[in-house]
């Protein structure tokens, strides 16, 4: 039972590190008198949001249909996670080539 509590505490610490610490660091930079300039961030367009929604739905549908918890892990990875990861990876590479030229 104690190991389960330790795992929950570790997950909480990781989430705090991911979400809380970057916000605290930004506040310190502004308090010191200067905000670092970053490249302008593009707003999420409708197609990007649609792609994210379809990705989540695809993986969720594959999870429901293939049930990886009952031993069908490889078909789930091959038909659910791999196409989504491949699609977003291709998009990432294409955007990298566009920004380089």
PDB file of N, CA and C in Angstrom:
ATOM      1  N   UNK A   1       0.815  -1.189   0.000  1.00  0.00           N
ATOM      2  CA  UNK A   1       0.000   0.000   0.000  1.00  0.00           C
ATOM      3  C   UNK A   1       0.859   1.254   0.000  1.00  0.00           C
ATOM      4  N   UNK A   2       1.949   1.215   0.700  1.00  0.00           N
ATOM      5  CA  UNK A   2       2.811   2.385   0.786  1.00  0.00           C
ATOM      6  C   UNK A   2       3.457   2.700  -0.553  1.00  0.00           C
ATOM      7  N   UNK A   3       3.758   1.683  -1.350  1.00  0.00           N
ATOM      8  CA  UNK A   3       4.375   1.945  -2.649  1.00  0.00           C
ATOM      9  C   UNK A   3       3.398   2.654  -3.574  1.00  0.00           C
ATOM     10  N   UNK A   4       2.101   2.399  -3.465  1.00  0.00           N
ATOM     11  CA  UNK A   4       1.110   3.091  -4.280  1.00  0.00           C
ATOM     12  C   UNK A   4       1.054   4.570  -3.953  1.00  0.00           C
ATOM     13  N   UNK A   5       1.180   4.897  -2.676  1.00  0.00           N
ATOM     14  CA  UNK A   5       1.182   6.298  -2.262  1.00  0.00           C
ATOM     15  C   UNK A   5       2.429   6.990  -2.777  1.00  0.00           C
ATOM     16  N   UNK A   6       3.559   6.310  -2.741  1.00  0.00           N
ATOM     17  CA  UNK A   6       4.801   6.891  -3.255  1.00  0.00           C
ATOM     18  C   UNK A   6       4.689   7.195  -4.745  1.00  0.00           C
ATOM     19  N   UNK A   7       4.072   6.300  -5.487  1.00  0.00           N
ATOM     20  CA  UNK A   7       3.907   6.530  -6.922  1.00  0.00           C
ATOM     21  C   UNK A   7       3.025   7.739  -7.185  1.00  0.00           C
ATOM     22  N   UNK A   8       1.960   7.900  -6.418  1.00  0.00           N
ATOM     23  CA  UNK A   8       1.077   9.057  -6.585  1.00  0.00           C
ATOM     24  C   UNK A   8       1.826  10.349  -6.267  1.00  0.00           C
ATOM     25  N   UNK A   9       2.647  10.335  -5.221  1.00  0.00           N
ATOM     26  CA  UNK A   9       3.424  11.518  -4.856  1.00  0.00           C
ATOM     27  C   UNK A   9       4.432  11.846  -5.956  1.00  0.00           C
ATOM     28  N   UNK A  10       5.068  10.850  -6.522  1.00  0.00           N
ATOM     29  CA  UNK A  10       6.031  11.082  -7.600  1.00  0.00           C
ATOM     30  C   UNK A  10       5.337  11.676  -8.816  1.00  0.00           C
ATOM     31  N   UNK A  11       4.180  11.156  -9.178  1.00  0.00           N
ATOM     32  CA  UNK A  11       3.428  11.695 -10.312  1.00  0.00           C
ATOM     33  C   UNK A  11       3.012  13.134 -10.043  1.00  0.00           C
ATOM     34  N   UNK A  12       2.579  13.433  -8.820  1.00  0.00           N
ATOM     35  CA  UNK A  12       2.201  14.798  -8.465  1.00  0.00           C
ATOM     36  C   UNK A  12       3.393  15.745  -8.566  1.00  0.00           C
ATOM     37  N   UNK A  13       4.564  15.280  -8.152  1.00  0.00           N
ATOM     38  CA  UNK A  13       5.766  16.115  -8.248  1.00  0.00           C
ATOM     39  C   UNK A  13       6.157  16.379  -9.696  1.00  0.00           C
ATOM     40  N   UNK A  14       6.047  15.368 -10.528  1.00  0.00           N
ATOM     41  CA  UNK A  14       6.368  15.541 -11.945  1.00  0.00           C
ATOM     42  C   UNK A  14       5.403  16.534 -12.584  1.00  0.00           C
ATOM     43  N   UNK A  15       4.106  16.396 -12.298  1.00  0.00           N
ATOM     44  CA  UNK A  15       3.123  17.330 -12.849  1.00  0.00           C
ATOM     45  C   UNK A  15       3.364  18.750 -12.349  1.00  0.00           C
ATOM     46  N   UNK A  16       3.707  18.884 -11.081  1.00  0.00           N
ATOM     47  CA  UNK A  16       4.021  20.207 -10.549  1.00  0.00           C
ATOM     48  C   UNK A  16       5.240  20.787 -11.254  1.00  0.00           C
ATOM     49  N   UNK A  17       6.226  19.954 -11.508  1.00  0.00           N
ATOM     50  CA  UNK A  17       7.412  20.423 -12.220  1.00  0.00           C
ATOM     51  C   UNK A  17       7.116  20.854 -13.637  1.00  0.00           C
ATOM     52  N   UNK A  18       6.175  20.174 -14.263  1.00  0.00           N
ATOM     53  CA  UNK A  18       5.841  20.515 -15.644  1.00  0.00           C
ATOM     54  C   UNK A  18       4.983  21.769 -15.763  1.00  0.00           C
ATOM     55  N   UNK A  19       4.083  21.982 -14.815  1.00  0.00           N
ATOM     56  CA  UNK A  19       3.114  23.051 -14.966  1.00  0.00           C
ATOM     57  C   UNK A  19       3.348  24.249 -14.050  1.00  0.00           C
ATOM     58  N   UNK A  20       3.804  24.038 -12.836  1.00  0.00           N
ATOM     59  CA  UNK A  20       3.913  25.124 -11.874  1.00  0.00           C
ATOM     60  C   UNK A  20       5.262  25.827 -11.967  1.00  0.00           C
ATOM     61  N   UNK A  21       6.339  25.083 -12.029  1.00  0.00           N
ATOM     62  CA  UNK A  21       7.667  25.707 -12.029  1.00  0.00           C
ATOM     63  C   UNK A  21       7.910  26.648 -13.204  1.00  0.00           C
ATOM     64  N   UNK A  22       7.506  26.308 -14.440  1.00  0.00           N
ATOM     65  CA  UNK A  22       7.724  27.280 -15.520  1.00  0.00           C
ATOM     66  C   UNK A  22       6.995  28.603 -15.290  1.00  0.00           C
ATOM     67  N   UNK A  23       5.819  28.560 -14.692  1.00  0.00           N
ATOM     68  CA  UNK A  23       5.099  29.801 -14.399  1.00  0.00           C
ATOM     69  C   UNK A  23       5.819  30.612 -13.336  1.00  0.00           C
ATOM     70  N   UNK A  24       6.370  29.951 -12.348  1.00  0.00           N
ATOM     71  CA  UNK A  24       7.099  30.663 -11.309  1.00  0.00           C
ATOM     72  C   UNK A  24       8.355  31.297 -11.873  1.00  0.00           C
ATOM     73  N   UNK A  25       9.016  30.617 -12.781  1.00  0.00           N
ATOM     74  CA  UNK A  25      10.238  31.160 -13.367  1.00  0.00           C
ATOM     75  C   UNK A  25       9.934  32.389 -14.218  1.00  0.00           C
ATOM     76  N   UNK A  26       8.822  32.390 -14.936  1.00  0.00           N
ATOM     77  CA  UNK A  26       8.437  33.548 -15.735  1.00  0.00           C
ATOM     78  C   UNK A  26       8.170  34.750 -14.844  1.00  0.00           C
ATOM     79  N   UNK A  27       7.533  34.545 -13.720  1.00  0.00           N
ATOM     80  CA  UNK A  27       7.245  35.652 -12.807  1.00  0.00           C
ATOM     81  C   UNK A  27       8.534  36.256 -12.269  1.00  0.00           C
ATOM     82  N   UNK A  28       9.527  35.446 -11.994  1.00  0.00           N
ATOM     83  CA  UNK A  28      10.809  35.964 -11.504  1.00  0.00           C
ATOM     84  C   UNK A  28      11.507  36.791 -12.573  1.00  0.00           C
ATOM     85  N   UNK A  29      11.439  36.354 -13.828  1.00  0.00           N
ATOM     86  CA  UNK A  29      12.072  37.113 -14.904  1.00  0.00           C
ATOM     87  C   UNK A  29      11.425  38.480 -15.064  1.00  0.00           C
ATOM     88  N   UNK A  30      10.113  38.544 -14.976  1.00  0.00           N
ATOM     89  CA  UNK A  30       9.406  39.816 -15.099  1.00  0.00           C
ATOM     90  C   UNK A  30       9.718  40.694 -13.896  1.00  0.00           C
ATOM     91  N   UNK A  31       9.819  40.102 -12.709  1.00  0.00           N
ATOM     92  CA  UNK A  31      10.109  40.876 -11.502  1.00  0.00           C
ATOM     93  C   UNK A  31      11.516  41.454 -11.540  1.00  0.00           C
ATOM     94  N   UNK A  32      12.429  40.812 -12.226  1.00  0.00           N
ATOM     95  CA  UNK A  32      13.811  41.307 -12.312  1.00  0.00           C
ATOM     96  C   UNK A  32      13.927  42.500 -13.240  1.00  0.00           C
ATOM     97  N   UNK A  33      12.893  42.799 -13.974  1.00  0.00           N
ATOM     98  CA  UNK A  33      12.929  44.012 -14.778  1.00  0.00           C
ATOM     99  C   UNK A  33      12.921  43.791 -16.265  1.00  0.00           C
ATOM    100  N   UNK A  34      13.116  42.620 -16.724  1.00  0.00           N
ATOM    101  CA  UNK A  34      13.131  42.415 -18.160  1.00  0.00           C
ATOM    102  C   UNK A  34      12.518  41.095 -18.539  1.00  0.00           C
ATOM    103  N   UNK A  35      11.693  41.145 -19.529  1.00  0.00           N
ATOM    104  CA  UNK A  35      11.099  39.906 -20.015  1.00  0.00           C
ATOM    105  C   UNK A  35      11.868  39.484 -21.255  1.00  0.00           C
ATOM    106  N   UNK A  36      12.251  38.236 -21.292  1.00  0.00           N
ATOM    107  CA  UNK A  36      13.003  37.742 -22.435  1.00  0.00           C
ATOM    108  C   UNK A  36      12.119  37.735 -23.667  1.00  0.00           C
ATOM    109  N   UNK A  37      12.687  38.092 -24.781  1.00  0.00           N
ATOM    110  CA  UNK A  37      11.918  38.090 -26.021  1.00  0.00           C
ATOM    111  C   UNK A  37      12.004  36.720 -26.665  1.00  0.00           C
ATOM    112  N   UNK A  38      10.863  36.236 -27.054  1.00  0.00           N
ATOM    113  CA  UNK A  38      10.778  34.946 -27.707  1.00  0.00           C
ATOM    114  C   UNK A  38      10.227  35.146 -29.107  1.00  0.00           C
ATOM    115  N   UNK A  39      10.411  34.141 -29.911  1.00  0.00           N
ATOM    116  CA  UNK A  39       9.825  34.189 -31.248  1.00  0.00           C
ATOM    117  C   UNK A  39       8.306  34.231 -31.111  1.00  0.00           C
ATOM    118  N   UNK A  40       7.629  34.926 -32.004  1.00  0.00           N
ATOM    119  CA  UNK A  40       6.170  34.993 -31.914  1.00  0.00           C
ATOM    120  C   UNK A  40       5.546  33.611 -32.062  1.00  0.00           C
ATOM    121  N   UNK A  41       4.559  33.347 -31.256  1.00  0.00           N
ATOM    122  CA  UNK A  41       3.895  32.052 -31.256  1.00  0.00           C
ATOM    123  C   UNK A  41       2.697  32.126 -32.184  1.00  0.00           C
ATOM    124  N   UNK A  42       2.617  31.159 -33.079  1.00  0.00           N
ATOM    125  CA  UNK A  42       1.465  31.112 -33.971  1.00  0.00           C
ATOM    126  C   UNK A  42       0.269  30.601 -33.211  1.00  0.00           C
ATOM    127  N   UNK A  43      -0.857  31.156 -33.497  1.00  0.00           N
ATOM    128  CA  UNK A  43      -2.074  30.705 -32.832  1.00  0.00           C
ATOM    129  C   UNK A  43      -2.503  29.364 -33.417  1.00  0.00           C
ATOM    130  N   UNK A  44      -3.142  28.573 -32.589  1.00  0.00           N
ATOM    131  CA  UNK A  44      -3.658  27.297 -33.065  1.00  0.00           C
ATOM    132  C   UNK A  44      -4.787  27.544 -34.039  1.00  0.00           C
ATOM    133  N   UNK A  45      -4.603  27.069 -35.217  1.00  0.00           N
ATOM    134  CA  UNK A  45      -5.649  27.217 -36.213  1.00  0.00           C
ATOM    135  C   UNK A  45      -6.618  26.057 -36.120  1.00  0.00           C
ATOM    136  N   UNK A  46      -7.717  26.191 -36.831  1.00  0.00           N
ATOM    137  CA  UNK A  46      -8.755  25.172 -36.791  1.00  0.00           C
ATOM    138  C   UNK A  46      -8.267  23.805 -37.227  1.00  0.00           C
ATOM    139  N   UNK A  47      -7.405  23.761 -38.246  1.00  0.00           N
ATOM    140  CA  UNK A  47      -6.918  22.466 -38.723  1.00  0.00           C
ATOM    141  C   UNK A  47      -6.050  21.764 -37.677  1.00  0.00           C
ATOM    142  N   UNK A  48      -5.271  22.533 -36.946  1.00  0.00           N
ATOM    143  CA  UNK A  48      -4.449  21.938 -35.900  1.00  0.00           C
ATOM    144  C   UNK A  48      -5.331  21.364 -34.793  1.00  0.00           C
ATOM    145  N   UNK A  49      -6.335  22.115 -34.407  1.00  0.00           N
ATOM    146  CA  UNK A  49      -7.257  21.627 -33.377  1.00  0.00           C
ATOM    147  C   UNK A  49      -8.009  20.393 -33.853  1.00  0.00           C
ATOM    148  N   UNK A  50      -8.415  20.401 -35.111  1.00  0.00           N
ATOM    149  CA  UNK A  50      -9.098  19.240 -35.672  1.00  0.00           C
ATOM    150  C   UNK A  50      -8.170  18.026 -35.678  1.00  0.00           C
ATOM    151  N   UNK A  51      -6.915  18.232 -36.033  1.00  0.00           N
ATOM    152  CA  UNK A  51      -5.943  17.142 -36.023  1.00  0.00           C
ATOM    153  C   UNK A  51      -5.728  16.569 -34.635  1.00  0.00           C
ATOM    154  N   UNK A  52      -5.651  17.439 -33.642  1.00  0.00           N
ATOM    155  CA  UNK A  52      -5.494  16.966 -32.267  1.00  0.00           C
ATOM    156  C   UNK A  52      -6.716  16.179 -31.815  1.00  0.00           C
ATOM    157  N   UNK A  53      -7.895  16.680 -32.135  1.00  0.00           N
ATOM    158  CA  UNK A  53      -9.121  15.980 -31.746  1.00  0.00           C
ATOM    159  C   UNK A  53      -9.213  14.610 -32.420  1.00  0.00           C
ATOM    160  N   UNK A  54      -8.928  14.569 -33.707  1.00  0.00           N
ATOM    161  CA  UNK A  54      -8.984  13.296 -34.422  1.00  0.00           C
ATOM    162  C   UNK A  54      -7.937  12.308 -33.911  1.00  0.00           C
ATOM    163  N   UNK A  55      -6.778  12.814 -33.525  1.00  0.00           N
ATOM    164  CA  UNK A  55      -5.732  11.942 -32.976  1.00  0.00           C
ATOM    165  C   UNK A  55      -6.190  11.295 -31.677  1.00  0.00           C
ATOM    166  N   UNK A  56      -6.759  12.105 -30.803  1.00  0.00           N
ATOM    167  CA  UNK A  56      -7.228  11.568 -29.520  1.00  0.00           C
ATOM    168  C   UNK A  56      -8.362  10.573 -29.752  1.00  0.00           C
ATOM    169  N   UNK A  57      -9.290  10.918 -30.639  1.00  0.00           N
ATOM    170  CA  UNK A  57     -10.401  10.009 -30.913  1.00  0.00           C
ATOM    171  C   UNK A  57      -9.928   8.711 -31.546  1.00  0.00           C
ATOM    172  N   UNK A  58      -8.934   8.783 -32.436  1.00  0.00           N
ATOM    173  CA  UNK A  58      -8.411   7.580 -33.090  1.00  0.00           C
ATOM    174  C   UNK A  58      -7.797   6.619 -32.067  1.00  0.00           C
ATOM    175  N   UNK A  59      -6.971   7.173 -31.171  1.00  0.00           N
ATOM    176  CA  UNK A  59      -6.325   6.328 -30.164  1.00  0.00           C
ATOM    177  C   UNK A  59      -7.376   5.777 -29.196  1.00  0.00           C
ATOM    178  N   UNK A  60      -8.358   6.595 -28.828  1.00  0.00           N
ATOM    179  CA  UNK A  60      -9.404   6.122 -27.921  1.00  0.00           C
ATOM    180  C   UNK A  60     -10.238   5.016 -28.573  1.00  0.00           C
ATOM    181  N   UNK A  61     -10.568   5.177 -29.847  1.00  0.00           N
ATOM    182  CA  UNK A  61     -11.335   4.157 -30.553  1.00  0.00           C
ATOM    183  C   UNK A  61     -10.537   2.856 -30.668  1.00  0.00           C
ATOM    184  N   UNK A  62      -9.253   2.982 -30.966  1.00  0.00           N
ATOM    185  CA  UNK A  62      -8.408   1.791 -31.043  1.00  0.00           C
ATOM    186  C   UNK A  62      -8.299   1.124 -29.677  1.00  0.00           C
ATOM    187  N   UNK A  63      -8.263   1.920 -28.625  1.00  0.00           N
ATOM    188  CA  UNK A  63      -8.201   1.369 -27.274  1.00  0.00           C
ATOM    189  C   UNK A  63      -9.460   0.571 -26.960  1.00  0.00           C
ATOM    190  N   UNK A  64     -10.604   1.120 -27.335  1.00  0.00           N
ATOM    191  CA  UNK A  64     -11.876   0.444 -27.044  1.00  0.00           C
ATOM    192  C   UNK A  64     -12.020  -0.825 -27.884  1.00  0.00           C
ATOM    193  N   UNK A  65     -11.704  -0.734 -29.161  1.00  0.00           N
ATOM    194  CA  UNK A  65     -11.911  -1.876 -30.047  1.00  0.00           C
ATOM    195  C   UNK A  65     -10.886  -2.992 -29.857  1.00  0.00           C
ATOM    196  N   UNK A  66      -9.631  -2.631 -29.618  1.00  0.00           N
ATOM    197  CA  UNK A  66      -8.576  -3.639 -29.554  1.00  0.00           C
ATOM    198  C   UNK A  66      -8.255  -4.090 -28.134  1.00  0.00           C
ATOM    199  N   UNK A  67      -8.690  -3.349 -27.119  1.00  0.00           N
ATOM    200  CA  UNK A  67      -8.525  -3.705 -25.716  1.00  0.00           C
ATOM    201  C   UNK A  67      -7.100  -4.178 -25.408  1.00  0.00           C
ATOM    202  N   UNK A  68      -6.130  -3.258 -25.360  1.00  0.00           N
ATOM    203  CA  UNK A  68      -4.739  -3.656 -25.127  1.00  0.00           C
ATOM    204  C   UNK A  68      -4.487  -4.216 -23.730  1.00  0.00           C
ATOM    205  N   UNK A  69      -5.377  -3.988 -22.801  1.00  0.00           N
ATOM    206  CA  UNK A  69      -5.183  -4.492 -21.443  1.00  0.00           C
ATOM    207  C   UNK A  69      -5.373  -5.995 -21.346  1.00  0.00           C
ATOM    208  N   UNK A  70      -6.026  -6.584 -22.356  1.00  0.00           N
ATOM    209  CA  UNK A  70      -6.250  -8.032 -22.312  1.00  0.00           C
ATOM    210  C   UNK A  70      -5.266  -8.795 -23.187  1.00  0.00           C
ATOM    211  N   UNK A  71      -4.140  -8.195 -23.491  1.00  0.00           N
ATOM    212  CA  UNK A  71      -3.095  -8.902 -24.223  1.00  0.00           C
ATOM    213  C   UNK A  71      -2.973  -8.517 -25.681  1.00  0.00           C
ATOM    214  N   UNK A  72      -3.750  -7.578 -26.171  1.00  0.00           N
ATOM    215  CA  UNK A  72      -3.663  -7.144 -27.569  1.00  0.00           C
ATOM    216  C   UNK A  72      -2.845  -5.865 -27.690  1.00  0.00           C
ATOM    217  N   UNK A  73      -1.704  -5.825 -27.047  1.00  0.00           N
ATOM    218  CA  UNK A  73      -0.913  -4.604 -27.032  1.00  0.00           C
ATOM    219  C   UNK A  73      -0.305  -4.289 -28.395  1.00  0.00           C
ATOM    220  N   UNK A  74       0.262  -5.262 -29.078  1.00  0.00           N
ATOM    221  CA  UNK A  74       0.897  -4.998 -30.368  1.00  0.00           C
ATOM    222  C   UNK A  74      -0.089  -4.528 -31.441  1.00  0.00           C
ATOM    223  N   UNK A  75      -1.260  -5.148 -31.578  1.00  0.00           N
ATOM    224  CA  UNK A  75      -2.217  -4.591 -32.548  1.00  0.00           C
ATOM    225  C   UNK A  75      -2.656  -3.171 -32.191  1.00  0.00           C
ATOM    226  N   UNK A  76      -2.792  -2.886 -30.897  1.00  0.00           N
ATOM    227  CA  UNK A  76      -3.164  -1.534 -30.482  1.00  0.00           C
ATOM    228  C   UNK A  76      -2.072  -0.537 -30.843  1.00  0.00           C
ATOM    229  N   UNK A  77      -0.836  -0.887 -30.584  1.00  0.00           N
ATOM    230  CA  UNK A  77       0.264   0.014 -30.933  1.00  0.00           C
ATOM    231  C   UNK A  77       0.373   0.200 -32.439  1.00  0.00           C
ATOM    232  N   UNK A  78       0.189  -0.889 -33.187  1.00  0.00           N
ATOM    233  CA  UNK A  78       0.315  -0.809 -34.637  1.00  0.00           C
ATOM    234  C   UNK A  78      -0.825  -0.091 -35.318  1.00  0.00           C
ATOM    235  N   UNK A  79      -2.039  -0.254 -34.831  1.00  0.00           N
ATOM    236  CA  UNK A  79      -3.192   0.347 -35.500  1.00  0.00           C
ATOM    237  C   UNK A  79      -3.675   1.618 -34.815  1.00  0.00           C
ATOM    238  N   UNK A  80      -3.307   1.837 -33.571  1.00  0.00           N
ATOM    239  CA  UNK A  80      -3.793   2.998 -32.850  1.00  0.00           C
ATOM    240  C   UNK A  80      -2.757   4.088 -32.671  1.00  0.00           C
ATOM    241  N   UNK A  81      -1.636   3.744 -32.079  1.00  0.00           N
ATOM    242  CA  UNK A  81      -0.639   4.745 -31.715  1.00  0.00           C
ATOM    243  C   UNK A  81       0.313   5.052 -32.874  1.00  0.00           C
ATOM    244  N   UNK A  82       0.734   4.041 -33.605  1.00  0.00           N
ATOM    245  CA  UNK A  82       1.708   4.243 -34.677  1.00  0.00           C
ATOM    246  C   UNK A  82       1.226   5.212 -35.764  1.00  0.00           C
ATOM    247  N   UNK A  83       0.010   5.087 -36.298  1.00  0.00           N
ATOM    248  CA  UNK A  83      -0.419   6.045 -37.324  1.00  0.00           C
ATOM    249  C   UNK A  83      -0.486   7.479 -36.818  1.00  0.00           C
ATOM    250  N   UNK A  84      -0.923   7.658 -35.577  1.00  0.00           N
ATOM    251  CA  UNK A  84      -0.998   9.012 -35.017  1.00  0.00           C
ATOM    252  C   UNK A  84       0.403   9.587 -34.835  1.00  0.00           C
ATOM    253  N   UNK A  85       1.297   8.808 -34.267  1.00  0.00           N
ATOM    254  CA  UNK A  85       2.668   9.275 -34.084  1.00  0.00           C
ATOM    255  C   UNK A  85       3.376   9.546 -35.396  1.00  0.00           C
ATOM    256  N   UNK A  86       3.136   8.695 -36.379  1.00  0.00           N
ATOM    257  CA  UNK A  86       3.738   8.893 -37.693  1.00  0.00           C
ATOM    258  C   UNK A  86       3.209  10.162 -38.360  1.00  0.00           C
ATOM    259  N   UNK A  87       1.915  10.383 -38.250  1.00  0.00           N
ATOM    260  CA  UNK A  87       1.323  11.592 -38.843  1.00  0.00           C
ATOM    261  C   UNK A  87       1.863  12.869 -38.224  1.00  0.00           C
ATOM    262  N   UNK A  88       1.909  12.920 -36.891  1.00  0.00           N
ATOM    263  CA  UNK A  88       2.431  14.122 -36.234  1.00  0.00           C
ATOM    264  C   UNK A  88       3.935  14.275 -36.457  1.00  0.00           C
ATOM    265  N   UNK A  89       4.644  13.155 -36.575  1.00  0.00           N
ATOM    266  CA  UNK A  89       6.080  13.239 -36.869  1.00  0.00           C
ATOM    267  C   UNK A  89       6.349  13.804 -38.244  1.00  0.00           C
ATOM    268  N   UNK A  90       5.563  13.380 -39.221  1.00  0.00           N
ATOM    269  CA  UNK A  90       5.710  13.923 -40.582  1.00  0.00           C
ATOM    270  C   UNK A  90       5.404  15.412 -40.589  1.00  0.00           C
ATOM    271  N   UNK A  91       4.355  15.812 -39.869  1.00  0.00           N
ATOM    272  CA  UNK A  91       4.009  17.239 -39.795  1.00  0.00           C
ATOM    273  C   UNK A  91       5.154  18.039 -39.172  1.00  0.00           C
ATOM    274  N   UNK A  92       5.768  17.505 -38.141  1.00  0.00           N
ATOM    275  CA  UNK A  92       6.866  18.175 -37.462  1.00  0.00           C
ATOM    276  C   UNK A  92       8.059  18.372 -38.399  1.00  0.00           C
ATOM    277  N   UNK A  93       8.371  17.332 -39.169  1.00  0.00           N
ATOM    278  CA  UNK A  93       9.491  17.413 -40.107  1.00  0.00           C
ATOM    279  C   UNK A  93       9.194  18.417 -41.212  1.00  0.00           C
ATOM    280  N   UNK A  94       7.982  18.399 -41.761  1.00  0.00           N
ATOM    281  CA  UNK A  94       7.612  19.331 -42.825  1.00  0.00           C
ATOM    282  C   UNK A  94       7.678  20.773 -42.329  1.00  0.00           C
ATOM    283  N   UNK A  95       7.176  21.034 -41.131  1.00  0.00           N
ATOM    284  CA  UNK A  95       7.251  22.396 -40.576  1.00  0.00           C
ATOM    285  C   UNK A  95       8.706  22.816 -40.346  1.00  0.00           C
ATOM    286  N   UNK A  96       9.559  21.873 -39.988  1.00  0.00           N
ATOM    287  CA  UNK A  96      10.969  22.195 -39.830  1.00  0.00           C
ATOM    288  C   UNK A  96      11.621  22.601 -41.128  1.00  0.00           C
ATOM    289  N   UNK A  97      11.286  21.906 -42.224  1.00  0.00           N
ATOM    290  CA  UNK A  97      11.826  22.265 -43.524  1.00  0.00           C
ATOM    291  C   UNK A  97      11.276  23.613 -43.979  1.00  0.00           C
ATOM    292  N   UNK A  98      10.008  23.897 -43.695  1.00  0.00           N
ATOM    293  CA  UNK A  98       9.425  25.181 -44.100  1.00  0.00           C
ATOM    294  C   UNK A  98      10.072  26.343 -43.366  1.00  0.00           C
ATOM    295  N   UNK A  99      10.321  26.184 -42.073  1.00  0.00           N
ATOM    296  CA  UNK A  99      10.913  27.284 -41.308  1.00  0.00           C
ATOM    297  C   UNK A  99      12.387  27.483 -41.641  1.00  0.00           C
ATOM    298  N   UNK A 100      13.049  26.433 -42.123  1.00  0.00           N
ATOM    299  CA  UNK A 100      14.474  26.554 -42.465  1.00  0.00           C
ATOM    300  C   UNK A 100      14.665  27.281 -43.786  1.00  0.00           C
ATOM    301  N   UNK A 101      13.680  27.236 -44.656  1.00  0.00           N
ATOM    302  CA  UNK A 101      13.857  27.894 -45.954  1.00  0.00           C
ATOM    303  C   UNK A 101      13.199  29.241 -46.009  1.00  0.00           C
TER     304      UNK A 101
END
